[in-house]
């Protein structure tokens, strides 16, 4: 595996968004039920948040109200990199798409409304292509202030 990338332009150019097959849900439980193989878990004060395939939640009776598509950004992003999630979330927000981002050790993972999955990937690929030509400015300048240029 290559070294983690921290340069925003290279992160955007190389993000290679991949739409993973399936439907995923955010649910909650006191513990992970047998038969559920989470994609992500988050220990919160109220309960354990579980992101898992919809069919597993359905089979075990776990409640949910949001069905998502899972997009993986294939660039190996450094955990201390600045601006990737802000740029991605901003692009999707401008297109009126919700986005829940989870950082893994190697990659960033986006969960968008299932219906928006293909369009989100197209938008992100467009950002990557424009970034390669230098036409997409990062959302943050060196001082951390939001750039409007």
C-alpha atoms as a PDB file:
ATOM      1  CA  UNK A   1       0.000   0.000   0.000  1.00  0.00           C
ATOM      2  CA  UNK A   2       1.229   3.483  -0.803  1.00  0.00           C
ATOM      3  CA  UNK A   3       1.921   6.110   1.832  1.00  0.00           C
ATOM      4  CA  UNK A   4      -1.068   8.088   3.056  1.00  0.00           C
ATOM      5  CA  UNK A   5      -1.746  11.211   1.002  1.00  0.00           C
ATOM      6  CA  UNK A   6      -2.254  14.585   2.671  1.00  0.00           C
ATOM      7  CA  UNK A   7      -2.137  17.022  -0.288  1.00  0.00           C
ATOM      8  CA  UNK A   8      -5.692  18.146  -1.066  1.00  0.00           C
ATOM      9  CA  UNK A   9      -5.218  18.416  -4.827  1.00  0.00           C
ATOM     10  CA  UNK A  10      -3.786  14.890  -5.028  1.00  0.00           C
ATOM     11  CA  UNK A  11      -6.525  13.599  -2.718  1.00  0.00           C
ATOM     12  CA  UNK A  12      -9.240  15.063  -4.929  1.00  0.00           C
ATOM     13  CA  UNK A  13      -7.592  14.015  -8.179  1.00  0.00           C
ATOM     14  CA  UNK A  14      -7.022  10.480  -6.977  1.00  0.00           C
ATOM     15  CA  UNK A  15     -10.157   9.863  -4.905  1.00  0.00           C
ATOM     16  CA  UNK A  16     -11.631   7.306  -7.366  1.00  0.00           C
ATOM     17  CA  UNK A  17     -15.103   7.066  -5.802  1.00  0.00           C
ATOM     18  CA  UNK A  18     -16.463   3.520  -5.890  1.00  0.00           C
ATOM     19  CA  UNK A  19     -20.159   2.791  -5.429  1.00  0.00           C
ATOM     20  CA  UNK A  20     -20.352  -0.418  -3.426  1.00  0.00           C
ATOM     21  CA  UNK A  21     -23.226  -2.782  -4.209  1.00  0.00           C
ATOM     22  CA  UNK A  22     -26.124  -3.062  -1.777  1.00  0.00           C
ATOM     23  CA  UNK A  23     -28.313  -1.030   0.522  1.00  0.00           C
ATOM     24  CA  UNK A  24     -27.046   0.012   3.960  1.00  0.00           C
ATOM     25  CA  UNK A  25     -28.846   1.275   7.046  1.00  0.00           C
ATOM     26  CA  UNK A  26     -27.975   3.115  10.240  1.00  0.00           C
ATOM     27  CA  UNK A  27     -29.533   1.390  13.213  1.00  0.00           C
ATOM     28  CA  UNK A  28     -29.008   1.047  16.954  1.00  0.00           C
ATOM     29  CA  UNK A  29     -28.820  -1.712  19.548  1.00  0.00           C
ATOM     30  CA  UNK A  30     -27.306  -2.498  22.937  1.00  0.00           C
ATOM     31  CA  UNK A  31     -25.018  -5.035  21.258  1.00  0.00           C
ATOM     32  CA  UNK A  32     -24.446  -6.451  17.782  1.00  0.00           C
ATOM     33  CA  UNK A  33     -27.094  -9.108  17.108  1.00  0.00           C
ATOM     34  CA  UNK A  34     -26.063 -12.512  15.821  1.00  0.00           C
ATOM     35  CA  UNK A  35     -26.185 -12.496  12.028  1.00  0.00           C
ATOM     36  CA  UNK A  36     -25.327  -8.804  11.738  1.00  0.00           C
ATOM     37  CA  UNK A  37     -21.910  -7.983  10.298  1.00  0.00           C
ATOM     38  CA  UNK A  38     -21.436  -4.218  10.716  1.00  0.00           C
ATOM     39  CA  UNK A  39     -19.641  -2.014   8.240  1.00  0.00           C
ATOM     40  CA  UNK A  40     -19.226   0.591  11.001  1.00  0.00           C
ATOM     41  CA  UNK A  41     -20.026   0.795  14.696  1.00  0.00           C
ATOM     42  CA  UNK A  42     -20.005   3.843  16.930  1.00  0.00           C
ATOM     43  CA  UNK A  43     -20.355   3.574  20.690  1.00  0.00           C
ATOM     44  CA  UNK A  44     -22.627   6.418  21.762  1.00  0.00           C
ATOM     45  CA  UNK A  45     -24.022   7.178  25.204  1.00  0.00           C
ATOM     46  CA  UNK A  46     -27.547   6.186  24.148  1.00  0.00           C
ATOM     47  CA  UNK A  47     -26.772   2.971  22.232  1.00  0.00           C
ATOM     48  CA  UNK A  48     -24.430   1.304  19.792  1.00  0.00           C
ATOM     49  CA  UNK A  49     -24.868   2.756  16.306  1.00  0.00           C
ATOM     50  CA  UNK A  50     -24.523   0.058  13.671  1.00  0.00           C
ATOM     51  CA  UNK A  51     -24.197   0.540   9.920  1.00  0.00           C
ATOM     52  CA  UNK A  52     -24.970  -2.739   8.196  1.00  0.00           C
ATOM     53  CA  UNK A  53     -26.560  -4.188   5.076  1.00  0.00           C
ATOM     54  CA  UNK A  54     -30.316  -3.585   5.044  1.00  0.00           C
ATOM     55  CA  UNK A  55     -31.136  -7.283   4.685  1.00  0.00           C
ATOM     56  CA  UNK A  56     -29.282  -8.051   7.934  1.00  0.00           C
ATOM     57  CA  UNK A  57     -31.212  -5.366   9.806  1.00  0.00           C
ATOM     58  CA  UNK A  58     -34.466  -6.674   8.349  1.00  0.00           C
ATOM     59  CA  UNK A  59     -33.639 -10.292   9.274  1.00  0.00           C
ATOM     60  CA  UNK A  60     -32.928  -9.373  12.901  1.00  0.00           C
ATOM     61  CA  UNK A  61     -35.664  -6.766  13.357  1.00  0.00           C
ATOM     62  CA  UNK A  62     -33.342  -3.799  13.847  1.00  0.00           C
ATOM     63  CA  UNK A  63     -35.108  -0.444  13.335  1.00  0.00           C
ATOM     64  CA  UNK A  64     -33.951   2.117  10.754  1.00  0.00           C
ATOM     65  CA  UNK A  65     -35.323   5.040   8.812  1.00  0.00           C
ATOM     66  CA  UNK A  66     -32.516   5.805   6.359  1.00  0.00           C
ATOM     67  CA  UNK A  67     -31.366   3.554   3.509  1.00  0.00           C
ATOM     68  CA  UNK A  68     -27.990   4.508   2.093  1.00  0.00           C
ATOM     69  CA  UNK A  69     -25.601   3.807  -0.732  1.00  0.00           C
ATOM     70  CA  UNK A  70     -21.976   3.228   0.325  1.00  0.00           C
ATOM     71  CA  UNK A  71     -19.239   5.027  -1.611  1.00  0.00           C
ATOM     72  CA  UNK A  72     -15.562   4.399  -0.895  1.00  0.00           C
ATOM     73  CA  UNK A  73     -12.972   6.980  -1.892  1.00  0.00           C
ATOM     74  CA  UNK A  74     -10.108   4.775  -3.063  1.00  0.00           C
ATOM     75  CA  UNK A  75      -7.333   7.282  -2.367  1.00  0.00           C
ATOM     76  CA  UNK A  76      -5.287   6.391   0.740  1.00  0.00           C
ATOM     77  CA  UNK A  77      -6.050   9.549   2.702  1.00  0.00           C
ATOM     78  CA  UNK A  78      -3.972  10.571   5.694  1.00  0.00           C
ATOM     79  CA  UNK A  79      -6.013  10.945   8.843  1.00  0.00           C
ATOM     80  CA  UNK A  80      -4.464  14.390   9.369  1.00  0.00           C
ATOM     81  CA  UNK A  81      -5.228  15.583   5.821  1.00  0.00           C
ATOM     82  CA  UNK A  82      -7.210  18.824   5.652  1.00  0.00           C
ATOM     83  CA  UNK A  83     -10.069  19.602   3.276  1.00  0.00           C
ATOM     84  CA  UNK A  84     -11.067  16.311   1.634  1.00  0.00           C
ATOM     85  CA  UNK A  85     -14.201  15.682   3.663  1.00  0.00           C
ATOM     86  CA  UNK A  86     -15.115  19.378   3.553  1.00  0.00           C
ATOM     87  CA  UNK A  87     -14.817  19.441  -0.226  1.00  0.00           C
ATOM     88  CA  UNK A  88     -16.736  16.197  -0.731  1.00  0.00           C
ATOM     89  CA  UNK A  89     -19.494  17.176   1.699  1.00  0.00           C
ATOM     90  CA  UNK A  90     -19.695  20.633   0.123  1.00  0.00           C
ATOM     91  CA  UNK A  91     -20.040  19.306  -3.414  1.00  0.00           C
ATOM     92  CA  UNK A  92     -22.789  16.924  -2.346  1.00  0.00           C
ATOM     93  CA  UNK A  93     -24.534  19.595  -0.245  1.00  0.00           C
ATOM     94  CA  UNK A  94     -24.613  21.916  -3.267  1.00  0.00           C
ATOM     95  CA  UNK A  95     -26.437  19.111  -5.085  1.00  0.00           C
ATOM     96  CA  UNK A  96     -28.878  18.805  -2.142  1.00  0.00           C
ATOM     97  CA  UNK A  97     -27.542  15.394  -1.069  1.00  0.00           C
ATOM     98  CA  UNK A  98     -27.031  14.341   2.519  1.00  0.00           C
ATOM     99  CA  UNK A  99     -23.691  12.718   3.261  1.00  0.00           C
ATOM    100  CA  UNK A 100     -22.457  10.807   6.296  1.00  0.00           C
ATOM    101  CA  UNK A 101     -18.685  10.362   6.199  1.00  0.00           C
ATOM    102  CA  UNK A 102     -16.685   7.755   8.089  1.00  0.00           C
ATOM    103  CA  UNK A 103     -12.897   7.822   8.055  1.00  0.00           C
ATOM    104  CA  UNK A 104     -11.183   4.459   7.997  1.00  0.00           C
ATOM    105  CA  UNK A 105      -7.457   3.974   8.396  1.00  0.00           C
ATOM    106  CA  UNK A 106      -6.932   3.798   4.611  1.00  0.00           C
ATOM    107  CA  UNK A 107     -10.012   5.352   3.016  1.00  0.00           C
ATOM    108  CA  UNK A 108     -12.963   7.641   3.552  1.00  0.00           C
ATOM    109  CA  UNK A 109     -16.415   6.110   3.231  1.00  0.00           C
ATOM    110  CA  UNK A 110     -19.523   8.082   2.325  1.00  0.00           C
ATOM    111  CA  UNK A 111     -23.099   7.074   2.971  1.00  0.00           C
ATOM    112  CA  UNK A 112     -25.597   8.981   0.849  1.00  0.00           C
ATOM    113  CA  UNK A 113     -29.281   8.340   0.226  1.00  0.00           C
ATOM    114  CA  UNK A 114     -29.506   5.110  -1.750  1.00  0.00           C
ATOM    115  CA  UNK A 115     -31.296   6.851  -4.616  1.00  0.00           C
ATOM    116  CA  UNK A 116     -28.487   9.445  -4.832  1.00  0.00           C
ATOM    117  CA  UNK A 117     -25.607   6.936  -5.003  1.00  0.00           C
ATOM    118  CA  UNK A 118     -24.944   6.916  -8.759  1.00  0.00           C
ATOM    119  CA  UNK A 119     -25.352  10.695  -9.095  1.00  0.00           C
ATOM    120  CA  UNK A 120     -23.025  11.280  -6.121  1.00  0.00           C
ATOM    121  CA  UNK A 121     -20.326   9.140  -7.733  1.00  0.00           C
ATOM    122  CA  UNK A 122     -20.721  11.073 -11.010  1.00  0.00           C
ATOM    123  CA  UNK A 123     -20.363  14.395  -9.176  1.00  0.00           C
ATOM    124  CA  UNK A 124     -17.272  13.209  -7.311  1.00  0.00           C
ATOM    125  CA  UNK A 125     -15.678  11.896 -10.505  1.00  0.00           C
ATOM    126  CA  UNK A 126     -16.315  15.287 -12.079  1.00  0.00           C
ATOM    127  CA  UNK A 127     -14.580  16.993  -9.140  1.00  0.00           C
ATOM    128  CA  UNK A 128     -11.615  14.634  -9.515  1.00  0.00           C
ATOM    129  CA  UNK A 129     -11.332  15.374 -13.231  1.00  0.00           C
ATOM    130  CA  UNK A 130     -11.575  19.138 -12.712  1.00  0.00           C
ATOM    131  CA  UNK A 131      -9.079  18.991  -9.868  1.00  0.00           C
ATOM    132  CA  UNK A 132      -6.594  17.270 -12.182  1.00  0.00           C
ATOM    133  CA  UNK A 133      -6.776  20.311 -14.474  1.00  0.00           C
ATOM    134  CA  UNK A 134      -6.522  22.782 -11.599  1.00  0.00           C
ATOM    135  CA  UNK A 135     -10.047  24.168 -11.987  1.00  0.00           C
ATOM    136  CA  UNK A 136     -11.414  23.208  -8.559  1.00  0.00           C
ATOM    137  CA  UNK A 137     -10.030  25.385  -5.765  1.00  0.00           C
ATOM    138  CA  UNK A 138      -9.848  23.811  -2.317  1.00  0.00           C
ATOM    139  CA  UNK A 139     -12.470  25.041   0.156  1.00  0.00           C
ATOM    140  CA  UNK A 140      -9.817  26.112   2.638  1.00  0.00           C
ATOM    141  CA  UNK A 141      -6.822  28.379   2.269  1.00  0.00           C
ATOM    142  CA  UNK A 142      -3.549  27.845   4.124  1.00  0.00           C
ATOM    143  CA  UNK A 143      -4.889  29.686   7.175  1.00  0.00           C
ATOM    144  CA  UNK A 144      -7.902  27.397   7.413  1.00  0.00           C
ATOM    145  CA  UNK A 145     -10.312  30.140   6.337  1.00  0.00           C
ATOM    146  CA  UNK A 146     -12.964  29.159   3.837  1.00  0.00           C
ATOM    147  CA  UNK A 147     -11.914  30.107   0.304  1.00  0.00           C
ATOM    148  CA  UNK A 148     -14.596  31.639  -1.923  1.00  0.00           C
ATOM    149  CA  UNK A 149     -12.441  31.864  -5.059  1.00  0.00           C
END
